[in-house]
N, C-alpha and C. Protein backbone atom coordinates (compact mmCIF):
# COMPACT_ATOMS: atom_id res chain seq x y z
N MET A 1 -9.26 24.26 -44.00
CA MET A 1 -10.39 23.83 -43.23
C MET A 1 -10.37 22.30 -43.08
N MET A 2 -10.24 21.57 -44.17
CA MET A 2 -10.21 20.11 -44.09
C MET A 2 -8.92 19.62 -43.43
N ARG A 3 -7.81 20.31 -43.70
CA ARG A 3 -6.54 19.92 -43.10
C ARG A 3 -6.61 20.07 -41.58
N GLU A 4 -7.23 21.16 -41.10
CA GLU A 4 -7.38 21.35 -39.65
C GLU A 4 -8.26 20.26 -39.06
N PHE A 5 -9.33 19.92 -39.77
CA PHE A 5 -10.21 18.85 -39.30
C PHE A 5 -9.44 17.54 -39.20
N PHE A 6 -8.67 17.22 -40.23
CA PHE A 6 -7.92 15.97 -40.25
C PHE A 6 -6.83 15.95 -39.18
N ASP A 7 -6.17 17.07 -38.97
CA ASP A 7 -5.11 17.14 -37.96
C ASP A 7 -5.65 17.02 -36.54
N ASP A 8 -6.89 17.43 -36.33
CA ASP A 8 -7.49 17.36 -35.01
C ASP A 8 -7.94 15.95 -34.63
N LEU A 9 -7.99 15.04 -35.61
CA LEU A 9 -8.40 13.67 -35.33
C LEU A 9 -7.25 12.89 -34.69
N THR A 10 -7.62 11.92 -33.87
CA THR A 10 -6.60 11.04 -33.31
C THR A 10 -6.10 10.10 -34.40
N SER A 11 -5.02 9.40 -34.14
CA SER A 11 -4.47 8.50 -35.16
C SER A 11 -5.46 7.37 -35.48
N ARG A 12 -6.19 6.92 -34.49
CA ARG A 12 -7.19 5.87 -34.74
C ARG A 12 -8.32 6.41 -35.62
N GLU A 13 -8.78 7.61 -35.34
CA GLU A 13 -9.84 8.22 -36.15
C GLU A 13 -9.36 8.46 -37.58
N GLN A 14 -8.11 8.86 -37.74
CA GLN A 14 -7.56 9.06 -39.09
C GLN A 14 -7.50 7.74 -39.84
N ARG A 15 -7.12 6.68 -39.15
CA ARG A 15 -7.07 5.36 -39.78
C ARG A 15 -8.47 4.88 -40.18
N VAL A 16 -9.45 5.11 -39.31
CA VAL A 16 -10.83 4.72 -39.61
C VAL A 16 -11.34 5.52 -40.81
N LEU A 17 -11.04 6.80 -40.85
CA LEU A 17 -11.46 7.64 -41.97
C LEU A 17 -10.84 7.16 -43.28
N GLY A 18 -9.58 6.80 -43.25
CA GLY A 18 -8.90 6.29 -44.44
C GLY A 18 -9.51 4.98 -44.93
N TRP A 19 -9.74 4.05 -44.01
CA TRP A 19 -10.33 2.77 -44.40
C TRP A 19 -11.76 2.93 -44.88
N SER A 20 -12.50 3.88 -44.31
CA SER A 20 -13.87 4.09 -44.78
C SER A 20 -13.86 4.67 -46.19
N ALA A 21 -12.89 5.51 -46.51
CA ALA A 21 -12.77 6.03 -47.87
C ALA A 21 -12.46 4.91 -48.85
N VAL A 22 -11.61 3.98 -48.46
CA VAL A 22 -11.30 2.83 -49.31
C VAL A 22 -12.55 1.97 -49.50
N ALA A 23 -13.30 1.77 -48.43
CA ALA A 23 -14.52 0.96 -48.52
C ALA A 23 -15.55 1.62 -49.43
N VAL A 24 -15.69 2.93 -49.35
CA VAL A 24 -16.63 3.64 -50.21
C VAL A 24 -16.21 3.54 -51.67
N ALA A 25 -14.91 3.68 -51.94
CA ALA A 25 -14.41 3.57 -53.31
C ALA A 25 -14.67 2.17 -53.86
N ALA A 26 -14.43 1.15 -53.05
CA ALA A 26 -14.67 -0.23 -53.49
C ALA A 26 -16.16 -0.47 -53.73
N ALA A 27 -17.01 0.06 -52.85
CA ALA A 27 -18.45 -0.11 -53.03
C ALA A 27 -18.95 0.58 -54.30
N LEU A 28 -18.45 1.78 -54.56
CA LEU A 28 -18.86 2.47 -55.78
C LEU A 28 -18.37 1.74 -57.02
N TRP A 29 -17.15 1.23 -56.96
CA TRP A 29 -16.60 0.50 -58.10
C TRP A 29 -17.41 -0.76 -58.37
N LEU A 30 -17.73 -1.51 -57.31
CA LEU A 30 -18.51 -2.74 -57.49
C LEU A 30 -19.95 -2.44 -57.92
N ALA A 31 -20.54 -1.36 -57.41
CA ALA A 31 -21.89 -0.99 -57.82
C ALA A 31 -21.93 -0.61 -59.30
N THR A 32 -20.89 0.09 -59.76
CA THR A 32 -20.83 0.45 -61.17
C THR A 32 -20.56 -0.79 -62.01
N ALA A 33 -19.71 -1.67 -61.52
CA ALA A 33 -19.39 -2.89 -62.25
C ALA A 33 -20.58 -3.84 -62.30
N TRP A 34 -21.51 -3.69 -61.38
CA TRP A 34 -22.71 -4.53 -61.38
C TRP A 34 -23.50 -4.30 -62.67
N THR A 35 -23.53 -3.07 -63.14
CA THR A 35 -24.28 -2.77 -64.36
C THR A 35 -23.48 -3.12 -65.60
N ASP A 36 -22.15 -3.06 -65.54
CA ASP A 36 -21.30 -3.38 -66.68
C ASP A 36 -20.13 -4.23 -66.20
N PRO A 37 -20.24 -5.55 -66.30
CA PRO A 37 -19.20 -6.43 -65.76
C PRO A 37 -17.82 -6.23 -66.40
N TRP A 38 -17.74 -5.71 -67.59
CA TRP A 38 -16.44 -5.48 -68.21
C TRP A 38 -15.64 -4.43 -67.45
N LEU A 39 -16.33 -3.55 -66.77
CA LEU A 39 -15.65 -2.55 -65.96
C LEU A 39 -14.89 -3.21 -64.81
N LEU A 40 -15.46 -4.29 -64.29
CA LEU A 40 -14.82 -5.01 -63.20
C LEU A 40 -13.45 -5.54 -63.62
N LEU A 41 -13.31 -5.94 -64.86
CA LEU A 41 -12.03 -6.42 -65.37
C LEU A 41 -11.21 -5.31 -66.01
N GLY A 42 -11.88 -4.35 -66.62
CA GLY A 42 -11.19 -3.32 -67.38
C GLY A 42 -10.35 -2.38 -66.54
N VAL A 43 -10.84 -1.97 -65.40
CA VAL A 43 -10.11 -1.01 -64.56
C VAL A 43 -8.80 -1.62 -64.04
N PRO A 44 -8.81 -2.83 -63.46
CA PRO A 44 -7.53 -3.39 -63.01
C PRO A 44 -6.59 -3.70 -64.17
N LEU A 45 -7.11 -4.14 -65.30
CA LEU A 45 -6.25 -4.42 -66.45
C LEU A 45 -5.61 -3.15 -66.98
N ALA A 46 -6.38 -2.08 -67.07
CA ALA A 46 -5.83 -0.80 -67.53
C ALA A 46 -4.78 -0.28 -66.54
N GLY A 47 -5.05 -0.39 -65.26
CA GLY A 47 -4.09 0.04 -64.25
C GLY A 47 -2.83 -0.79 -64.29
N GLY A 48 -2.96 -2.09 -64.45
CA GLY A 48 -1.80 -2.96 -64.54
C GLY A 48 -0.98 -2.69 -65.79
N ALA A 49 -1.66 -2.45 -66.91
CA ALA A 49 -0.95 -2.14 -68.15
C ALA A 49 -0.19 -0.82 -68.03
N PHE A 50 -0.81 0.17 -67.41
CA PHE A 50 -0.14 1.46 -67.21
C PHE A 50 1.07 1.30 -66.29
N ALA A 51 0.91 0.54 -65.21
CA ALA A 51 2.03 0.32 -64.28
C ALA A 51 3.18 -0.39 -64.98
N ALA A 52 2.87 -1.40 -65.80
CA ALA A 52 3.92 -2.10 -66.54
C ALA A 52 4.61 -1.17 -67.52
N PHE A 53 3.84 -0.31 -68.18
CA PHE A 53 4.40 0.66 -69.12
C PHE A 53 5.36 1.61 -68.41
N VAL A 54 4.95 2.12 -67.27
CA VAL A 54 5.79 3.06 -66.51
C VAL A 54 7.06 2.36 -66.03
N MET A 55 6.93 1.15 -65.50
CA MET A 55 8.10 0.42 -65.01
C MET A 55 9.07 0.13 -66.15
N ARG A 56 8.55 -0.24 -67.30
CA ARG A 56 9.40 -0.54 -68.45
C ARG A 56 10.13 0.71 -68.92
N ASN A 57 9.43 1.83 -68.96
CA ASN A 57 10.07 3.07 -69.40
C ASN A 57 11.10 3.56 -68.40
N ARG A 58 10.87 3.37 -67.13
CA ARG A 58 11.84 3.79 -66.12
C ARG A 58 13.10 2.94 -66.18
N ARG A 59 12.94 1.67 -66.49
CA ARG A 59 14.09 0.77 -66.52
C ARG A 59 15.01 1.09 -67.69
N PHE A 60 14.43 1.40 -68.86
CA PHE A 60 15.22 1.62 -70.05
C PHE A 60 15.60 3.08 -70.27
N ALA A 61 15.09 3.96 -69.45
CA ALA A 61 15.40 5.39 -69.61
C ALA A 61 16.82 5.66 -69.11
N THR A 62 17.54 6.43 -69.88
CA THR A 62 18.88 6.83 -69.47
C THR A 62 18.87 8.33 -69.21
N PRO A 63 19.45 8.76 -68.14
CA PRO A 63 19.47 10.20 -67.87
C PRO A 63 20.38 10.92 -68.87
N ASP A 64 19.93 12.08 -69.31
CA ASP A 64 20.73 12.87 -70.23
C ASP A 64 21.92 13.48 -69.51
N ALA A 65 23.04 13.54 -70.21
CA ALA A 65 24.24 14.13 -69.61
C ALA A 65 24.09 15.63 -69.45
N GLY A 66 23.21 16.24 -70.25
CA GLY A 66 23.04 17.69 -70.20
C GLY A 66 22.09 18.16 -69.12
N ASP A 67 21.40 17.22 -68.43
CA ASP A 67 20.48 17.61 -67.37
C ASP A 67 21.26 18.20 -66.21
N ASP A 68 20.80 19.35 -65.73
CA ASP A 68 21.47 20.00 -64.63
C ASP A 68 20.46 20.28 -63.54
N ASP A 69 20.71 19.80 -62.34
CA ASP A 69 19.79 19.97 -61.24
C ASP A 69 20.00 21.26 -60.47
N ASP A 70 20.87 22.15 -60.96
CA ASP A 70 21.13 23.40 -60.26
C ASP A 70 19.95 24.36 -60.31
N TRP A 71 19.04 24.16 -61.24
CA TRP A 71 17.91 25.08 -61.36
C TRP A 71 16.90 24.90 -60.26
N LEU A 72 16.98 23.81 -59.51
CA LEU A 72 16.04 23.59 -58.42
C LEU A 72 16.30 24.57 -57.37
């Protein structure tokens, strides 16, 4: 149902819908951070720490020789 609705929109309408979703997310985040300012700093710091952790693990990870992609 939602996929059909989204597919029926023009590319401009899809872009507007996407940007409005981003604006709503930012407004909710700032409204919540208004009551607790640490949230304003905590969410980006936690996201950045997680991204750094993932990048570090991907860089040092070595693929196992026993991994076989034939099961796909």
